Protein backbone atom coordinates (compact mmCIF):
# COMPACT_ATOMS: atom_id res chain seq x y z
CA MET A 1 -20.09 -33.09 -40.07
CA ILE A 2 -18.35 -32.35 -36.57
CA TYR A 3 -15.08 -30.82 -37.59
CA PRO A 4 -12.34 -31.33 -35.13
CA PRO A 5 -11.75 -27.77 -32.73
CA ARG A 6 -8.68 -25.32 -34.54
CA LYS A 7 -5.03 -25.00 -32.35
CA SER A 8 -5.73 -21.05 -32.15
CA LEU A 9 -9.46 -21.79 -30.27
CA LEU A 10 -7.42 -23.80 -27.69
CA TYR A 11 -5.01 -21.18 -26.86
CA GLY A 12 -7.65 -18.70 -27.25
CA LEU A 13 -10.21 -20.99 -25.20
CA LEU A 14 -7.02 -21.59 -22.48
CA ALA A 15 -6.28 -17.63 -22.41
CA VAL A 16 -9.78 -16.72 -21.87
CA SER A 17 -9.85 -19.89 -18.45
CA ALA A 18 -6.49 -18.41 -17.79
CA PHE A 19 -7.68 -15.12 -17.08
CA SER A 20 -9.07 -14.36 -13.14
CA ALA A 21 -9.62 -10.91 -10.88
CA PRO A 22 -6.68 -10.74 -7.90
CA THR A 23 -8.47 -12.69 -5.41
CA ALA A 24 -6.92 -10.62 -2.45
CA GLN A 25 -9.86 -8.60 -0.84
CA ALA A 26 -7.66 -6.51 1.80
CA VAL A 27 -3.77 -5.14 1.97
CA THR A 28 -2.29 -3.23 4.58
CA VAL A 29 -0.68 0.20 4.36
CA THR A 30 1.30 1.76 5.74
CA THR A 31 2.98 5.36 5.22
CA ILE A 32 5.96 7.46 6.41
CA GLY A 33 5.68 11.25 5.48
CA SER A 34 8.54 14.32 5.41
CA PHE A 35 8.90 17.81 4.39
CA ASN A 36 11.07 18.97 1.54
CA ASP A 37 12.61 21.82 -0.17
CA PRO A 38 10.90 24.99 1.17
CA THR A 39 10.87 27.91 -0.44
CA SER A 40 9.63 31.78 0.48
CA THR A 41 9.10 35.08 -0.66
CA GLY A 42 10.70 37.00 2.38
CA TYR A 43 12.29 36.71 4.93
CA LEU A 44 12.03 32.80 7.03
CA PHE A 45 12.99 31.06 10.25
CA ASP A 46 11.61 27.76 9.44
CA ILE A 47 12.69 23.97 10.55
CA ASP A 48 11.75 20.75 9.42
CA ILE A 49 12.27 17.82 11.43
CA ASN A 50 11.82 14.15 9.47
CA GLN A 51 11.57 11.37 11.96
CA ASP A 52 7.99 9.66 11.49
CA ASP A 53 9.25 6.47 10.82
CA ALA A 54 12.77 7.20 13.47
CA SER A 55 12.60 4.87 16.93
CA THR A 56 15.45 6.49 18.12
CA GLY A 57 17.90 9.92 18.80
CA LEU A 58 14.52 11.61 18.12
CA SER A 59 14.52 15.96 18.41
CA PRO A 60 12.42 17.36 20.77
CA MET A 61 9.30 18.87 19.48
CA PRO A 62 8.18 22.58 20.11
CA ALA A 63 6.12 22.63 23.21
CA ASN A 64 3.10 23.41 21.31
CA VAL A 65 3.63 20.00 19.29
CA SER A 66 4.20 17.87 22.07
CA LYS A 67 1.26 18.62 24.22
CA TYR A 68 -0.76 17.59 21.59
CA SER A 69 1.10 14.75 20.36
CA THR A 70 2.27 11.44 22.63
CA THR A 71 5.25 10.47 20.70
CA ASN A 72 7.88 12.69 18.74
CA SER A 73 7.40 10.02 15.62
CA LEU A 74 6.09 12.68 13.43
CA ALA A 75 7.33 14.60 10.65
CA TYR A 76 7.17 18.25 11.04
CA TYR A 77 7.60 21.33 9.58
CA GLY A 78 7.43 24.68 11.53
CA TRP A 79 8.07 28.26 10.38
CA GLY A 80 8.05 31.97 11.77
CA ILE A 81 8.61 32.18 15.28
CA ASP A 82 5.65 33.17 17.88
CA VAL A 83 7.88 36.06 20.42
CA GLY A 84 5.82 35.91 23.20
CA GLN A 85 5.35 32.74 23.27
CA SER A 86 8.64 30.73 22.83
CA LEU A 87 9.90 33.36 25.63
CA SER A 88 7.40 32.08 27.84
CA THR A 89 7.95 28.64 27.57
CA HIS A 90 12.20 28.53 27.29
CA THR A 91 11.70 27.24 23.35
CA ILE A 92 10.64 27.84 20.01
CA ILE A 93 7.09 27.85 18.92
CA GLN A 94 6.20 28.21 15.21
CA SER A 95 3.29 28.10 13.00
CA HIS A 96 4.15 24.42 11.49
CA PHE A 97 2.41 21.00 9.72
CA TRP A 98 2.90 17.70 11.67
CA PHE A 99 1.76 14.26 10.23
CA ASN A 100 2.04 10.90 11.67
CA GLY A 101 1.27 8.46 9.41
CA ALA A 102 -0.70 5.14 9.45
CA GLY A 103 1.66 2.14 10.85
CA SER A 104 4.55 4.46 11.51
CA VAL A 105 6.22 4.60 15.19
CA GLY A 106 4.17 7.86 16.33
CA GLY A 107 1.72 6.45 14.54
CA ASP A 108 -1.94 4.31 14.65
CA PRO A 109 -1.89 0.70 14.02
CA ALA A 110 -1.66 -0.89 10.73
CA ALA A 111 -4.35 -1.86 9.47
CA GLU A 112 -5.94 -4.19 6.83
CA VAL A 113 -7.69 -2.07 4.15
CA PRO A 114 -10.23 -3.39 2.39
CA LEU A 115 -10.33 -3.07 -1.62
CA GLY A 116 -12.55 -0.59 -2.88
CA THR A 117 -13.06 1.47 0.08
CA ALA A 118 -11.21 5.02 1.25
CA PHE A 119 -8.51 4.87 4.11
CA SER A 120 -6.97 7.43 6.42
CA MET A 121 -2.64 7.20 5.19
CA GLY A 122 -2.30 9.33 8.81
CA LEU A 123 -3.49 12.39 10.32
CA PHE A 124 -2.04 16.21 9.21
CA THR A 125 -2.49 19.32 11.43
CA TYR A 126 -1.78 22.52 10.76
CA THR A 127 -1.77 24.96 13.82
CA ASN A 128 -1.46 29.11 12.84
CA GLU A 129 0.33 31.08 15.47
CA GLU A 130 1.26 34.96 15.43
CA THR A 131 4.21 34.54 14.24
CA ILE A 132 7.63 37.10 12.82
CA LEU A 133 9.95 35.87 9.95
CA SER A 134 7.43 33.69 8.54
CA GLY A 135 8.52 34.05 5.47
CA GLY A 136 5.06 35.85 3.56
CA ILE A 137 4.08 33.54 1.12
CA VAL A 138 6.00 30.20 1.52
CA ASN A 139 6.13 26.24 -0.60
CA ILE A 140 6.32 23.60 0.75
CA ASP A 141 6.20 19.13 -0.48
CA PHE A 142 4.79 17.07 1.65
CA GLN A 143 6.04 13.08 0.58
CA MET A 144 5.11 9.69 1.75
CA ALA A 145 6.47 7.02 1.21
CA ILE A 146 4.05 3.66 0.77
CA ASN A 147 3.89 0.58 1.60
CA VAL A 148 1.59 -2.09 0.06
CA ASP A 149 1.12 -5.59 1.83
CA GLY A 150 5.81 -4.75 2.24
CA LEU A 151 5.75 -4.07 -1.66
CA SER A 152 7.55 0.25 -1.56
CA LEU A 153 6.03 2.34 -3.74
CA ALA A 154 7.02 5.53 -5.65
CA PRO A 155 6.63 8.88 -3.03
CA ALA A 156 3.47 10.22 -3.08
CA GLU A 157 3.57 14.13 -3.21
CA TYR A 158 1.73 17.42 -2.51
CA ARG A 159 2.64 20.92 -2.67
CA ILE A 160 1.33 23.03 -0.20
CA ARG A 161 0.92 26.67 -0.30
CA ILE A 162 1.16 29.12 3.00
CA ASN A 163 -0.16 32.68 2.77
CA ASN A 164 1.17 34.36 6.08
CA THR A 165 -0.99 37.30 6.76
CA LEU A 166 0.54 40.22 8.71
CA ASN A 167 -0.56 39.77 12.37
CA GLY A 168 -3.87 42.03 13.73
CA PRO A 169 -7.45 42.32 13.82
CA SER A 170 -7.58 43.27 9.75
CA ASN A 171 -6.13 39.91 9.19
CA PRO A 172 -7.19 37.31 11.40
CA PHE A 173 -6.30 34.26 9.11
CA ASP A 174 -4.25 32.42 7.21
CA THR A 175 -4.68 30.60 4.56
CA ALA A 176 -2.81 26.30 3.46
CA GLU A 177 -4.28 25.53 0.00
CA ILE A 178 -3.08 22.68 -1.52
CA ILE A 179 -1.70 23.54 -4.81
CA SER A 180 -0.55 20.04 -6.66
CA THR A 181 -1.62 16.61 -6.06
CA PRO A 182 -0.03 12.98 -6.64
CA ALA A 183 -0.98 11.20 -9.71
CA SER A 184 -2.90 7.26 -9.15
CA ILE A 185 0.39 4.88 -8.69
CA SER A 186 -0.43 1.62 -10.51
CA PHE A 187 1.35 -1.23 -8.84
CA LEU A 188 1.68 -5.78 -8.99
CA LEU A 189 1.41 -7.55 -5.58
CA ASP A 190 1.48 -11.05 -6.18
CA GLY A 191 1.68 -10.36 -9.86
CA SER A 192 -2.05 -9.17 -10.00
CA PRO A 193 -2.16 -5.31 -10.77
CA TYR A 194 -3.54 -2.34 -8.94
CA LEU A 195 -4.44 1.38 -8.64
CA LEU A 196 -3.95 3.74 -5.62
CA THR A 197 -5.80 6.34 -5.45
CA PHE A 198 -5.69 9.85 -3.18
CA ASN A 199 -8.65 10.97 -2.74
CA GLY A 200 -7.59 14.10 -0.58
CA PHE A 201 -7.53 15.93 3.16
CA SER A 202 -10.75 15.56 4.96
CA ARG A 203 -12.19 16.55 7.96
CA ASP A 204 -14.85 14.96 8.59
CA GLY A 205 -14.09 11.61 8.07
CA GLY A 206 -13.81 11.42 4.80
CA GLU A 207 -17.29 12.02 3.79
CA ASN A 208 -16.42 15.87 2.25
CA PHE A 209 -12.61 16.94 0.96
CA GLU A 210 -10.88 20.17 0.81
CA THR A 211 -8.02 21.84 -0.80
CA VAL A 212 -7.75 25.25 1.57
CA ALA A 213 -8.22 25.55 5.12
CA GLU A 214 -8.45 28.91 6.68
CA LEU A 215 -7.13 29.67 10.51
CA GLY A 216 -7.19 31.86 12.75
CA GLU A 217 -4.46 33.18 14.71
CA GLY A 218 -3.61 30.82 17.84
CA MET A 219 -5.82 27.80 16.20
CA ARG A 220 -4.89 24.06 15.49
CA THR A 221 -7.01 21.85 12.81
CA THR A 222 -6.19 18.08 11.93
CA ALA A 223 -7.24 16.23 8.45
CA GLU A 224 -6.72 12.96 7.37
CA ILE A 225 -5.57 12.12 4.41
CA TYR A 226 -7.57 9.84 2.57
CA ALA A 227 -6.47 7.19 -0.34
CA THR A 228 -8.52 3.86 -1.94
CA ILE A 229 -6.99 0.84 -3.61
CA THR A 230 -8.67 -0.92 -6.17
CA ALA A 231 -7.95 -4.19 -8.03
CA VAL A 232 -8.19 -3.79 -11.59
CA PRO A 233 -8.10 -6.19 -15.65
CA ALA A 234 -4.61 -6.80 -16.42
CA PRO A 235 -3.85 -5.19 -20.07
CA ALA A 236 -1.86 -8.59 -21.23
CA ALA A 237 -5.14 -10.41 -19.62
CA ILE A 238 -7.60 -8.37 -21.74
CA TRP A 239 -5.48 -8.88 -24.67
CA LEU A 240 -5.11 -12.37 -25.00
CA MET A 241 -9.13 -12.91 -23.97
CA GLY A 242 -9.82 -10.44 -27.28
CA THR A 243 -7.02 -13.24 -29.30
CA GLY A 244 -9.57 -15.94 -28.13
CA LEU A 245 -12.86 -14.36 -28.69
CA LEU A 246 -10.85 -13.59 -32.29
CA ALA A 247 -10.26 -17.68 -32.47
CA LEU A 248 -13.92 -18.13 -31.81
CA ALA A 249 -15.08 -16.37 -34.89
CA GLY A 250 -12.68 -17.38 -36.83
CA PHE A 251 -13.97 -21.01 -35.79
CA ALA A 252 -16.89 -20.35 -36.59
CA ARG A 253 -16.76 -19.01 -40.00
CA THR A 254 -14.75 -22.43 -41.11
CA LYS A 255 -17.89 -24.37 -39.64
CA LYS A 256 -20.15 -22.56 -41.49
């Protein structure tokens, strides 16, 4: 005998057929950086200029930034002062970080990011000068405001520690260290769920990732911050699919 299908079975089959993975193959990402909440263990002369997203009214950057950057539209945090260079250039010269976000006013143009592929969120530069009033151990929050296909995500934050050693041949290096990293961010785009994962800082195009950078006096280094966006199954859809399978099992028992 052939039994008519139960309503629960029909609902279960509809639930299974309704579940589908996100259809987007690529998204467009822009990133705006800023530096916030510095702390230090000693005397500190510091400046933060957060204009990675500014197009007018820009503050001038120190000469040891502007000679490498073609724009003042970036996020800047400087600490200490290099007395000799500052006197010779008639502008303040500092040890500093600066960040140019991808798709920001001064950064590279926003580009489509393939899902599941690591991409650069922007350029992060660290310069070490022979400074005084450097604060000893300095901590700073580096935040990124991230936009994916027009959707603003929760800010992502790195906490960075700088160990400013005494200037001289016995202390040739200062150290910048990542002491906390942002958690992955889940978000919905056009009703489909995605996950943004932060891979970290890389100076070799994403082959290797570092949490510590050691830098000699007068030296400069640049890293890119990499992340990956992946599509993930919707938990509700998985639950509905499970309901459909249970309905199938119940129908099989009834037929038997």
